[in-house]
Amino acid sequence: MRGVFKKKPLQLLRLFYGVEAPLFLLCLLRLFVLRELTEASTLILGTILISIVAFFLEMLHGYSNINTLISWLQMFAHTLMLLTGLYVGVLLLFYAVPVAAICRREVFSFN
């Protein structure tokens, strides 16, 4: 697969950060964090997996201007990517804001 992007270093970066790294993190998450899959966790993991596959297919074939069904499927996949990113961002806010406050308090306390 890297032969397709061999002369395109920016596409290789997109492949790593958009496909390989999220897939690796998804496998680590499933292996170490989620022991039992409930319906909700299966839905979230499935949505992330669909987003990764859609991004990879878009990297290989590009945007579809000719076939309307494929362009609608790409728009649906982009909407899933956006909603998944917003969900993960809001979820991380619950952890990032308190950790930032604790770090700020520790850095600026000179005792």
PDB file of N, CA and C in Angstrom:
ATOM      1  N   MET A   1       0.817  -1.195   0.000  1.00  0.00           N
ATOM      2  CA  MET A   1       0.000   0.000   0.000  1.00  0.00           C
ATOM      3  C   MET A   1       0.858   1.255   0.000  1.00  0.00           C
ATOM      4  N   ARG A   2       2.004   1.194   0.615  1.00  0.00           N
ATOM      5  CA  ARG A   2       2.864   2.365   0.646  1.00  0.00           C
ATOM      6  C   ARG A   2       3.443   2.670  -0.724  1.00  0.00           C
ATOM      7  N   GLY A   3       3.408   1.684  -1.640  1.00  0.00           N
ATOM      8  CA  GLY A   3       3.890   1.921  -2.986  1.00  0.00           C
ATOM      9  C   GLY A   3       3.030   2.936  -3.729  1.00  0.00           C
ATOM     10  N   VAL A   4       1.742   2.987  -3.389  1.00  0.00           N
ATOM     11  CA  VAL A   4       0.845   3.955  -4.018  1.00  0.00           C
ATOM     12  C   VAL A   4       1.247   5.370  -3.630  1.00  0.00           C
ATOM     13  N   PHE A   5       1.661   5.559  -2.388  1.00  0.00           N
ATOM     14  CA  PHE A   5       1.992   6.883  -1.869  1.00  0.00           C
ATOM     15  C   PHE A   5       3.502   7.109  -1.757  1.00  0.00           C
ATOM     16  N   LYS A   6       4.286   6.329  -2.485  1.00  0.00           N
ATOM     17  CA  LYS A   6       5.739   6.379  -2.314  1.00  0.00           C
ATOM     18  C   LYS A   6       6.315   7.741  -2.694  1.00  0.00           C
ATOM     19  N   LYS A   7       5.821   8.348  -3.739  1.00  0.00           N
ATOM     20  CA  LYS A   7       6.337   9.650  -4.196  1.00  0.00           C
ATOM     21  C   LYS A   7       5.560  10.829  -3.611  1.00  0.00           C
ATOM     22  N   LYS A   8       4.645  10.556  -2.685  1.00  0.00           N
ATOM     23  CA  LYS A   8       3.802  11.606  -2.107  1.00  0.00           C
ATOM     24  C   LYS A   8       3.954  11.612  -0.588  1.00  0.00           C
ATOM     25  N   PRO A   9       4.893  12.386  -0.048  1.00  0.00           N
ATOM     26  CA  PRO A   9       5.117  12.343   1.410  1.00  0.00           C
ATOM     27  C   PRO A   9       3.951  12.898   2.222  1.00  0.00           C
ATOM     28  N   LEU A  10       3.215  13.872   1.691  1.00  0.00           N
ATOM     29  CA  LEU A  10       2.075  14.389   2.447  1.00  0.00           C
ATOM     30  C   LEU A  10       0.955  13.354   2.535  1.00  0.00           C
ATOM     31  N   GLN A  11       0.786  12.572   1.482  1.00  0.00           N
ATOM     32  CA  GLN A  11      -0.209  11.508   1.525  1.00  0.00           C
ATOM     33  C   GLN A  11       0.196  10.413   2.509  1.00  0.00           C
ATOM     34  N   LEU A  12       1.508  10.169   2.620  1.00  0.00           N
ATOM     35  CA  LEU A  12       1.979   9.202   3.616  1.00  0.00           C
ATOM     36  C   LEU A  12       1.683   9.682   5.030  1.00  0.00           C
ATOM     37  N   LEU A  13       1.833  10.976   5.274  1.00  0.00           N
ATOM     38  CA  LEU A  13       1.490  11.521   6.594  1.00  0.00           C
ATOM     39  C   LEU A  13       0.000  11.395   6.856  1.00  0.00           C
ATOM     40  N   ARG A  14      -0.816  11.673   5.835  1.00  0.00           N
ATOM     41  CA  ARG A  14      -2.263  11.508   5.986  1.00  0.00           C
ATOM     42  C   ARG A  14      -2.620  10.053   6.256  1.00  0.00           C
ATOM     43  N   LEU A  15      -1.903   9.137   5.586  1.00  0.00           N
ATOM     44  CA  LEU A  15      -2.150   7.716   5.813  1.00  0.00           C
ATOM     45  C   LEU A  15      -1.814   7.330   7.246  1.00  0.00           C
ATOM     46  N   PHE A  16      -0.695   7.831   7.757  1.00  0.00           N
ATOM     47  CA  PHE A  16      -0.310   7.481   9.122  1.00  0.00           C
ATOM     48  C   PHE A  16      -1.261   8.096  10.141  1.00  0.00           C
ATOM     49  N   TYR A  17      -1.461   9.424  10.068  1.00  0.00           N
ATOM     50  CA  TYR A  17      -2.268  10.098  11.088  1.00  0.00           C
ATOM     51  C   TYR A  17      -3.766   9.889  10.913  1.00  0.00           C
ATOM     52  N   GLY A  18      -4.203   9.533   9.720  1.00  0.00           N
ATOM     53  CA  GLY A  18      -5.626   9.359   9.494  1.00  0.00           C
ATOM     54  C   GLY A  18      -6.101   7.923   9.517  1.00  0.00           C
ATOM     55  N   VAL A  19      -5.189   6.975   9.284  1.00  0.00           N
ATOM     56  CA  VAL A  19      -5.602   5.576   9.205  1.00  0.00           C
ATOM     57  C   VAL A  19      -4.838   4.704  10.200  1.00  0.00           C
ATOM     58  N   GLU A  20      -3.519   4.695  10.099  1.00  0.00           N
ATOM     59  CA  GLU A  20      -2.733   3.743  10.887  1.00  0.00           C
ATOM     60  C   GLU A  20      -2.749   4.060  12.382  1.00  0.00           C
ATOM     61  N   ALA A  21      -2.514   5.300  12.762  1.00  0.00           N
ATOM     62  CA  ALA A  21      -2.497   5.656  14.184  1.00  0.00           C
ATOM     63  C   ALA A  21      -3.876   5.489  14.838  1.00  0.00           C
ATOM     64  N   PRO A  22      -4.977   5.966  14.218  1.00  0.00           N
ATOM     65  CA  PRO A  22      -6.282   5.713  14.852  1.00  0.00           C
ATOM     66  C   PRO A  22      -6.644   4.241  14.930  1.00  0.00           C
ATOM     67  N   LEU A  23      -6.255   3.463  13.919  1.00  0.00           N
ATOM     68  CA  LEU A  23      -6.527   2.029  13.966  1.00  0.00           C
ATOM     69  C   LEU A  23      -5.735   1.358  15.083  1.00  0.00           C
ATOM     70  N   PHE A  24      -4.486   1.764  15.267  1.00  0.00           N
ATOM     71  CA  PHE A  24      -3.666   1.234  16.356  1.00  0.00           C
ATOM     72  C   PHE A  24      -4.260   1.615  17.719  1.00  0.00           C
ATOM     73  N   LEU A  25      -4.672   2.886  17.862  1.00  0.00           N
ATOM     74  CA  LEU A  25      -5.285   3.309  19.124  1.00  0.00           C
ATOM     75  C   LEU A  25      -6.612   2.615  19.373  1.00  0.00           C
ATOM     76  N   LEU A  26      -7.356   2.360  18.305  1.00  0.00           N
ATOM     77  CA  LEU A  26      -8.616   1.638  18.445  1.00  0.00           C
ATOM     78  C   LEU A  26      -8.377   0.211  18.935  1.00  0.00           C
ATOM     79  N   CYS A  27      -7.347  -0.430  18.408  1.00  0.00           N
ATOM     80  CA  CYS A  27      -6.998  -1.788  18.864  1.00  0.00           C
ATOM     81  C   CYS A  27      -6.517  -1.774  20.316  1.00  0.00           C
ATOM     82  N   LEU A  28      -5.700  -0.782  20.676  1.00  0.00           N
ATOM     83  CA  LEU A  28      -5.258  -0.674  22.073  1.00  0.00           C
ATOM     84  C   LEU A  28      -6.421  -0.412  23.015  1.00  0.00           C
ATOM     85  N   LEU A  29      -7.336   0.432  22.586  1.00  0.00           N
ATOM     86  CA  LEU A  29      -8.511   0.732  23.401  1.00  0.00           C
ATOM     87  C   LEU A  29      -9.337  -0.524  23.619  1.00  0.00           C
ATOM     88  N   ARG A  30      -9.537  -1.283  22.572  1.00  0.00           N
ATOM     89  CA  ARG A  30     -10.324  -2.522  22.689  1.00  0.00           C
ATOM     90  C   ARG A  30      -9.598  -3.562  23.542  1.00  0.00           C
ATOM     91  N   LEU A  31      -8.286  -3.611  23.423  1.00  0.00           N
ATOM     92  CA  LEU A  31      -7.525  -4.634  24.125  1.00  0.00           C
ATOM     93  C   LEU A  31      -7.398  -4.345  25.618  1.00  0.00           C
ATOM     94  N   PHE A  32      -7.148  -3.086  25.982  1.00  0.00           N
ATOM     95  CA  PHE A  32      -6.828  -2.778  27.374  1.00  0.00           C
ATOM     96  C   PHE A  32      -7.942  -2.076  28.146  1.00  0.00           C
ATOM     97  N   VAL A  33      -8.816  -1.354  27.479  1.00  0.00           N
ATOM     98  CA  VAL A  33      -9.812  -0.576  28.209  1.00  0.00           C
ATOM     99  C   VAL A  33     -11.174  -1.265  28.211  1.00  0.00           C
ATOM    100  N   LEU A  34     -11.612  -1.703  27.048  1.00  0.00           N
ATOM    101  CA  LEU A  34     -12.949  -2.281  26.937  1.00  0.00           C
ATOM    102  C   LEU A  34     -12.872  -3.799  27.016  1.00  0.00           C
ATOM    103  N   ARG A  35     -13.245  -4.332  28.147  1.00  0.00           N
ATOM    104  CA  ARG A  35     -13.199  -5.787  28.298  1.00  0.00           C
ATOM    105  C   ARG A  35     -14.467  -6.426  27.757  1.00  0.00           C
ATOM    106  N   GLU A  36     -15.611  -5.844  28.082  1.00  0.00           N
ATOM    107  CA  GLU A  36     -16.869  -6.345  27.555  1.00  0.00           C
ATOM    108  C   GLU A  36     -17.457  -5.276  26.650  1.00  0.00           C
ATOM    109  N   LEU A  37     -17.918  -5.694  25.500  1.00  0.00           N
ATOM    110  CA  LEU A  37     -18.519  -4.750  24.568  1.00  0.00           C
ATOM    111  C   LEU A  37     -20.024  -4.672  24.814  1.00  0.00           C
ATOM    112  N   THR A  38     -20.470  -3.496  25.199  1.00  0.00           N
ATOM    113  CA  THR A  38     -21.906  -3.256  25.304  1.00  0.00           C
ATOM    114  C   THR A  38     -22.388  -2.705  23.972  1.00  0.00           C
ATOM    115  N   GLU A  39     -23.672  -2.449  23.872  1.00  0.00           N
ATOM    116  CA  GLU A  39     -24.202  -1.912  22.624  1.00  0.00           C
ATOM    117  C   GLU A  39     -23.655  -0.519  22.348  1.00  0.00           C
ATOM    118  N   ALA A  40     -23.523   0.290  23.392  1.00  0.00           N
ATOM    119  CA  ALA A  40     -23.030   1.653  23.209  1.00  0.00           C
ATOM    120  C   ALA A  40     -21.558   1.677  22.787  1.00  0.00           C
ATOM    121  N   SER A  41     -20.736   0.864  23.438  1.00  0.00           N
ATOM    122  CA  SER A  41     -19.323   0.846  23.064  1.00  0.00           C
ATOM    123  C   SER A  41     -19.123   0.236  21.680  1.00  0.00           C
ATOM    124  N   THR A  42     -19.956  -0.739  21.311  1.00  0.00           N
ATOM    125  CA  THR A  42     -19.884  -1.305  19.967  1.00  0.00           C
ATOM    126  C   THR A  42     -20.263  -0.260  18.928  1.00  0.00           C
ATOM    127  N   LEU A  43     -21.269   0.556  19.228  1.00  0.00           N
ATOM    128  CA  LEU A  43     -21.675   1.619  18.305  1.00  0.00           C
ATOM    129  C   LEU A  43     -20.557   2.642  18.121  1.00  0.00           C
ATOM    130  N   ILE A  44     -19.917   3.039  19.200  1.00  0.00           N
ATOM    131  CA  ILE A  44     -18.844   4.025  19.112  1.00  0.00           C
ATOM    132  C   ILE A  44     -17.642   3.456  18.360  1.00  0.00           C
ATOM    133  N   LEU A  45     -17.238   2.245  18.692  1.00  0.00           N
ATOM    134  CA  LEU A  45     -16.108   1.621  17.995  1.00  0.00           C
ATOM    135  C   LEU A  45     -16.424   1.374  16.527  1.00  0.00           C
ATOM    136  N   GLY A  46     -17.644   0.967  16.228  1.00  0.00           N
ATOM    137  CA  GLY A  46     -18.049   0.767  14.834  1.00  0.00           C
ATOM    138  C   GLY A  46     -18.057   2.065  14.048  1.00  0.00           C
ATOM    139  N   THR A  47     -18.507   3.144  14.675  1.00  0.00           N
ATOM    140  CA  THR A  47     -18.510   4.448  14.015  1.00  0.00           C
ATOM    141  C   THR A  47     -17.089   4.915  13.733  1.00  0.00           C
ATOM    142  N   ILE A  48     -16.202   4.713  14.677  1.00  0.00           N
ATOM    143  CA  ILE A  48     -14.806   5.085  14.466  1.00  0.00           C
ATOM    144  C   ILE A  48     -14.188   4.236  13.363  1.00  0.00           C
ATOM    145  N   LEU A  49     -14.498   2.955  13.340  1.00  0.00           N
ATOM    146  CA  LEU A  49     -13.973   2.072  12.299  1.00  0.00           C
ATOM    147  C   LEU A  49     -14.508   2.450  10.920  1.00  0.00           C
ATOM    148  N   ILE A  50     -15.780   2.791  10.828  1.00  0.00           N
ATOM    149  CA  ILE A  50     -16.357   3.242   9.555  1.00  0.00           C
ATOM    150  C   ILE A  50     -15.692   4.532   9.099  1.00  0.00           C
ATOM    151  N   SER A  51     -15.409   5.437  10.038  1.00  0.00           N
ATOM    152  CA  SER A  51     -14.741   6.690   9.687  1.00  0.00           C
ATOM    153  C   SER A  51     -13.327   6.448   9.171  1.00  0.00           C
ATOM    154  N   ILE A  52     -12.604   5.530   9.790  1.00  0.00           N
ATOM    155  CA  ILE A  52     -11.248   5.210   9.350  1.00  0.00           C
ATOM    156  C   ILE A  52     -11.264   4.611   7.947  1.00  0.00           C
ATOM    157  N   VAL A  53     -12.173   3.673   7.709  1.00  0.00           N
ATOM    158  CA  VAL A  53     -12.275   3.042   6.389  1.00  0.00           C
ATOM    159  C   VAL A  53     -12.678   4.058   5.334  1.00  0.00           C
ATOM    160  N   ALA A  54     -13.623   4.938   5.666  1.00  0.00           N
ATOM    161  CA  ALA A  54     -14.056   5.958   4.700  1.00  0.00           C
ATOM    162  C   ALA A  54     -12.923   6.922   4.372  1.00  0.00           C
ATOM    163  N   PHE A  55     -12.144   7.306   5.363  1.00  0.00           N
ATOM    164  CA  PHE A  55     -11.009   8.197   5.113  1.00  0.00           C
ATOM    165  C   PHE A  55      -9.975   7.518   4.228  1.00  0.00           C
ATOM    166  N   PHE A  56      -9.730   6.232   4.469  1.00  0.00           N
ATOM    167  CA  PHE A  56      -8.767   5.485   3.667  1.00  0.00           C
ATOM    168  C   PHE A  56      -9.247   5.347   2.215  1.00  0.00           C
ATOM    169  N   LEU A  57     -10.514   5.024   2.031  1.00  0.00           N
ATOM    170  CA  LEU A  57     -11.037   4.910   0.670  1.00  0.00           C
ATOM    171  C   LEU A  57     -11.023   6.247  -0.053  1.00  0.00           C
ATOM    172  N   GLU A  58     -11.265   7.317   0.694  1.00  0.00           N
ATOM    173  CA  GLU A  58     -11.195   8.646   0.089  1.00  0.00           C
ATOM    174  C   GLU A  58      -9.762   8.994  -0.313  1.00  0.00           C
ATOM    175  N   MET A  59      -8.795   8.542   0.477  1.00  0.00           N
ATOM    176  CA  MET A  59      -7.400   8.771   0.110  1.00  0.00           C
ATOM    177  C   MET A  59      -7.049   8.027  -1.171  1.00  0.00           C
ATOM    178  N   LEU A  60      -7.577   6.823  -1.340  1.00  0.00           N
ATOM    179  CA  LEU A  60      -7.251   6.030  -2.521  1.00  0.00           C
ATOM    180  C   LEU A  60      -7.951   6.523  -3.781  1.00  0.00           C
ATOM    181  N   HIS A  61      -9.247   6.858  -3.657  1.00  0.00           N
ATOM    182  CA  HIS A  61     -10.039   7.160  -4.841  1.00  0.00           C
ATOM    183  C   HIS A  61     -10.426   8.621  -4.984  1.00  0.00           C
ATOM    184  N   GLY A  62     -10.296   9.420  -3.946  1.00  0.00           N
ATOM    185  CA  GLY A  62     -10.653  10.834  -4.022  1.00  0.00           C
ATOM    186  C   GLY A  62     -12.155  11.044  -3.913  1.00  0.00           C
ATOM    187  N   TYR A  63     -12.568  12.287  -4.151  1.00  0.00           N
ATOM    188  CA  TYR A  63     -13.980  12.637  -4.095  1.00  0.00           C
ATOM    189  C   TYR A  63     -14.685  12.165  -5.357  1.00  0.00           C
ATOM    190  N   SER A  64     -15.926  11.757  -5.202  1.00  0.00           N
ATOM    191  CA  SER A  64     -16.700  11.283  -6.339  1.00  0.00           C
ATOM    192  C   SER A  64     -17.609  12.406  -6.821  1.00  0.00           C
ATOM    193  N   ASN A  65     -17.384  12.871  -8.035  1.00  0.00           N
ATOM    194  CA  ASN A  65     -18.239  13.897  -8.630  1.00  0.00           C
ATOM    195  C   ASN A  65     -19.242  13.293  -9.603  1.00  0.00           C
ATOM    196  N   ILE A  66     -18.991  12.076 -10.049  1.00  0.00           N
ATOM    197  CA  ILE A  66     -19.810  11.479 -11.101  1.00  0.00           C
ATOM    198  C   ILE A  66     -21.004  10.731 -10.530  1.00  0.00           C
ATOM    199  N   ASN A  67     -20.744   9.824  -9.601  1.00  0.00           N
ATOM    200  CA  ASN A  67     -21.797   8.983  -9.046  1.00  0.00           C
ATOM    201  C   ASN A  67     -22.414   9.666  -7.831  1.00  0.00           C
ATOM    202  N   THR A  68     -23.716   9.924  -7.880  1.00  0.00           N
ATOM    203  CA  THR A  68     -24.366  10.634  -6.778  1.00  0.00           C
ATOM    204  C   THR A  68     -24.501   9.760  -5.530  1.00  0.00           C
ATOM    205  N   LEU A  69     -24.668   8.455  -5.719  1.00  0.00           N
ATOM    206  CA  LEU A  69     -24.777   7.576  -4.550  1.00  0.00           C
ATOM    207  C   LEU A  69     -23.481   7.561  -3.749  1.00  0.00           C
ATOM    208  N   ILE A  70     -22.365   7.477  -4.442  1.00  0.00           N
ATOM    209  CA  ILE A  70     -21.071   7.475  -3.750  1.00  0.00           C
ATOM    210  C   ILE A  70     -20.821   8.820  -3.088  1.00  0.00           C
ATOM    211  N   SER A  71     -21.216   9.913  -3.745  1.00  0.00           N
ATOM    212  CA  SER A  71     -21.008  11.223  -3.121  1.00  0.00           C
ATOM    213  C   SER A  71     -21.888  11.392  -1.883  1.00  0.00           C
ATOM    214  N   TRP A  72     -23.096  10.828  -1.894  1.00  0.00           N
ATOM    215  CA  TRP A  72     -23.935  10.865  -0.692  1.00  0.00           C
ATOM    216  C   TRP A  72     -23.339  10.011   0.416  1.00  0.00           C
ATOM    217  N   LEU A  73     -22.780   8.854   0.066  1.00  0.00           N
ATOM    218  CA  LEU A  73     -22.125   8.018   1.072  1.00  0.00           C
ATOM    219  C   LEU A  73     -20.894   8.713   1.654  1.00  0.00           C
ATOM    220  N   GLN A  74     -20.154   9.424   0.807  1.00  0.00           N
ATOM    221  CA  GLN A  74     -19.008  10.183   1.318  1.00  0.00           C
ATOM    222  C   GLN A  74     -19.466  11.301   2.246  1.00  0.00           C
ATOM    223  N   MET A  75     -20.558  11.962   1.903  1.00  0.00           N
ATOM    224  CA  MET A  75     -21.069  13.019   2.777  1.00  0.00           C
ATOM    225  C   MET A  75     -21.533  12.433   4.109  1.00  0.00           C
ATOM    226  N   PHE A  76     -22.172  11.268   4.078  1.00  0.00           N
ATOM    227  CA  PHE A  76     -22.587  10.602   5.309  1.00  0.00           C
ATOM    228  C   PHE A  76     -21.372  10.216   6.151  1.00  0.00           C
ATOM    229  N   ALA A  77     -20.320   9.715   5.501  1.00  0.00           N
ATOM    230  CA  ALA A  77     -19.102   9.344   6.229  1.00  0.00           C
ATOM    231  C   ALA A  77     -18.433  10.575   6.828  1.00  0.00           C
ATOM    232  N   HIS A  78     -18.418  11.687   6.112  1.00  0.00           N
ATOM    233  CA  HIS A  78     -17.839  12.920   6.662  1.00  0.00           C
ATOM    234  C   HIS A  78     -18.641  13.412   7.859  1.00  0.00           C
ATOM    235  N   THR A  79     -19.965  13.260   7.802  1.00  0.00           N
ATOM    236  CA  THR A  79     -20.796  13.637   8.943  1.00  0.00           C
ATOM    237  C   THR A  79     -20.492  12.749  10.146  1.00  0.00           C
ATOM    238  N   LEU A  80     -20.302  11.450   9.903  1.00  0.00           N
ATOM    239  CA  LEU A  80     -19.916  10.552  11.002  1.00  0.00           C
ATOM    240  C   LEU A  80     -18.573  10.952  11.594  1.00  0.00           C
ATOM    241  N   MET A  81     -17.616  11.315  10.730  1.00  0.00           N
ATOM    242  CA  MET A  81     -16.305  11.747  11.222  1.00  0.00           C
ATOM    243  C   MET A  81     -16.429  12.997  12.081  1.00  0.00           C
ATOM    244  N   LEU A  82     -17.224  13.944  11.628  1.00  0.00           N
ATOM    245  CA  LEU A  82     -17.403  15.190  12.380  1.00  0.00           C
ATOM    246  C   LEU A  82     -18.066  14.927  13.726  1.00  0.00           C
ATOM    247  N   LEU A  83     -19.136  14.145  13.744  1.00  0.00           N
ATOM    248  CA  LEU A  83     -19.831  13.869  14.998  1.00  0.00           C
ATOM    249  C   LEU A  83     -18.981  13.046  15.956  1.00  0.00           C
ATOM    250  N   THR A  84     -18.211  12.103  15.426  1.00  0.00           N
ATOM    251  CA  THR A  84     -17.318  11.321  16.278  1.00  0.00           C
ATOM    252  C   THR A  84     -16.228  12.200  16.869  1.00  0.00           C
ATOM    253  N   GLY A  85     -15.674  13.096  16.067  1.00  0.00           N
ATOM    254  CA  GLY A  85     -14.656  14.019  16.573  1.00  0.00           C
ATOM    255  C   GLY A  85     -15.206  14.946  17.643  1.00  0.00           C
ATOM    256  N   LEU A  86     -16.421  15.443  17.445  1.00  0.00           N
ATOM    257  CA  LEU A  86     -17.044  16.291  18.462  1.00  0.00           C
ATOM    258  C   LEU A  86     -17.313  15.514  19.751  1.00  0.00           C
ATOM    259  N   TYR A  87     -17.773  14.282  19.610  1.00  0.00           N
ATOM    260  CA  TYR A  87     -18.035  13.452  20.783  1.00  0.00           C
ATOM    261  C   TYR A  87     -16.759  13.185  21.575  1.00  0.00           C
ATOM    262  N   VAL A  88     -15.710  12.809  20.886  1.00  0.00           N
ATOM    263  CA  VAL A  88     -14.437  12.540  21.560  1.00  0.00           C
ATOM    264  C   VAL A  88     -13.884  13.818  22.181  1.00  0.00           C
ATOM    265  N   GLY A  89     -14.029  14.953  21.487  1.00  0.00           N
ATOM    266  CA  GLY A  89     -13.560  16.224  22.032  1.00  0.00           C
ATOM    267  C   GLY A  89     -14.291  16.619  23.304  1.00  0.00           C
ATOM    268  N   VAL A  90     -15.604  16.468  23.303  1.00  0.00           N
ATOM    269  CA  VAL A  90     -16.380  16.786  24.505  1.00  0.00           C
ATOM    270  C   VAL A  90     -16.039  15.813  25.634  1.00  0.00           C
ATOM    271  N   LEU A  91     -15.850  14.558  25.294  1.00  0.00           N
ATOM    272  CA  LEU A  91     -15.482  13.570  26.307  1.00  0.00           C
ATOM    273  C   LEU A  91     -14.118  13.885  26.917  1.00  0.00           C
ATOM    274  N   LEU A  92     -13.164  14.308  26.091  1.00  0.00           N
ATOM    275  CA  LEU A  92     -11.837  14.657  26.603  1.00  0.00           C
ATOM    276  C   LEU A  92     -11.847  15.940  27.425  1.00  0.00           C
ATOM    277  N   LEU A  93     -12.814  16.820  27.189  1.00  0.00           N
ATOM    278  CA  LEU A  93     -12.904  18.040  27.994  1.00  0.00           C
ATOM    279  C   LEU A  93     -13.138  17.733  29.464  1.00  0.00           C
ATOM    280  N   PHE A  94     -13.852  16.654  29.740  1.00  0.00           N
ATOM    281  CA  PHE A  94     -14.104  16.292  31.132  1.00  0.00           C
ATOM    282  C   PHE A  94     -12.820  15.917  31.858  1.00  0.00           C
ATOM    283  N   TYR A  95     -11.808  15.504  31.112  1.00  0.00           N
ATOM    284  CA  TYR A  95     -10.534  15.137  31.712  1.00  0.00           C
ATOM    285  C   TYR A  95      -9.485  16.233  31.553  1.00  0.00           C
ATOM    286  N   ALA A  96      -9.488  16.930  30.438  1.00  0.00           N
ATOM    287  CA  ALA A  96      -8.443  17.910  30.145  1.00  0.00           C
ATOM    288  C   ALA A  96      -8.554  19.153  31.027  1.00  0.00           C
ATOM    289  N   VAL A  97      -9.758  19.640  31.260  1.00  0.00           N
ATOM    290  CA  VAL A  97      -9.923  20.864  32.059  1.00  0.00           C
ATOM    291  C   VAL A  97      -9.494  20.640  33.510  1.00  0.00           C
ATOM    292  N   PRO A  98      -9.922  19.584  34.202  1.00  0.00           N
ATOM    293  CA  PRO A  98      -9.429  19.392  35.570  1.00  0.00           C
ATOM    294  C   PRO A  98      -7.927  19.123  35.639  1.00  0.00           C
ATOM    295  N   VAL A  99      -7.382  18.383  34.693  1.00  0.00           N
ATOM    296  CA  VAL A  99      -5.938  18.128  34.699  1.00  0.00           C
ATOM    297  C   VAL A  99      -5.179  19.429  34.466  1.00  0.00           C
ATOM    298  N   ALA A 100      -5.677  20.291  33.581  1.00  0.00           N
ATOM    299  CA  ALA A 100      -5.025  21.574  33.346  1.00  0.00           C
ATOM    300  C   ALA A 100      -5.085  22.457  34.589  1.00  0.00           C
ATOM    301  N   ALA A 101      -6.204  22.427  35.296  1.00  0.00           N
ATOM    302  CA  ALA A 101      -6.317  23.221  36.528  1.00  0.00           C
ATOM    303  C   ALA A 101      -5.360  22.707  37.595  1.00  0.00           C
ATOM    304  N   ILE A 102      -5.242  21.399  37.737  1.00  0.00           N
ATOM    305  CA  ILE A 102      -4.315  20.829  38.724  1.00  0.00           C
ATOM    306  C   ILE A 102      -2.874  21.155  38.356  1.00  0.00           C
ATOM    307  N   CYS A 103      -2.527  21.039  37.075  1.00  0.00           N
ATOM    308  CA  CYS A 103      -1.161  21.366  36.638  1.00  0.00           C
ATOM    309  C   CYS A 103      -0.855  22.839  36.854  1.00  0.00           C
ATOM    310  N   ARG A 104      -1.817  23.696  36.576  1.00  0.00           N
ATOM    311  CA  ARG A 104      -1.611  25.135  36.781  1.00  0.00           C
ATOM    312  C   ARG A 104      -1.405  25.443  38.257  1.00  0.00           C
ATOM    313  N   ARG A 105      -2.195  24.794  39.107  1.00  0.00           N
ATOM    314  CA  ARG A 105      -2.060  25.020  40.538  1.00  0.00           C
ATOM    315  C   ARG A 105      -0.702  24.531  41.035  1.00  0.00           C
ATOM    316  N   GLU A 106      -0.230  23.401  40.522  1.00  0.00           N
ATOM    317  CA  GLU A 106       1.053  22.860  40.944  1.00  0.00           C
ATOM    318  C   GLU A 106       2.221  23.696  40.422  1.00  0.00           C
ATOM    319  N   VAL A 107       2.110  24.226  39.225  1.00  0.00           N
ATOM    320  CA  VAL A 107       3.198  25.013  38.650  1.00  0.00           C
ATOM    321  C   VAL A 107       3.332  26.347  39.366  1.00  0.00           C
ATOM    322  N   PHE A 108       2.194  26.969  39.676  1.00  0.00           N
ATOM    323  CA  PHE A 108       2.260  28.310  40.260  1.00  0.00           C
ATOM    324  C   PHE A 108       2.271  28.321  41.781  1.00  0.00           C
ATOM    325  N   SER A 109       2.260  27.164  42.428  1.00  0.00           N
ATOM    326  CA  SER A 109       2.417  27.143  43.888  1.00  0.00           C
ATOM    327  C   SER A 109       3.893  26.900  44.193  1.00  0.00           C
ATOM    328  N   PHE A 110       4.489  27.838  44.889  1.00  0.00           N
ATOM    329  CA  PHE A 110       5.912  27.762  45.159  1.00  0.00           C
ATOM    330  C   PHE A 110       6.235  27.198  46.547  1.00  0.00           C
ATOM    331  N   ASN A 111       5.300  26.574  47.172  1.00  0.00           N
ATOM    332  CA  ASN A 111       5.520  26.035  48.523  1.00  0.00           C
ATOM    333  C   ASN A 111       6.257  24.750  48.480  1.00  0.00           C
TER     334      ASN A 111
END
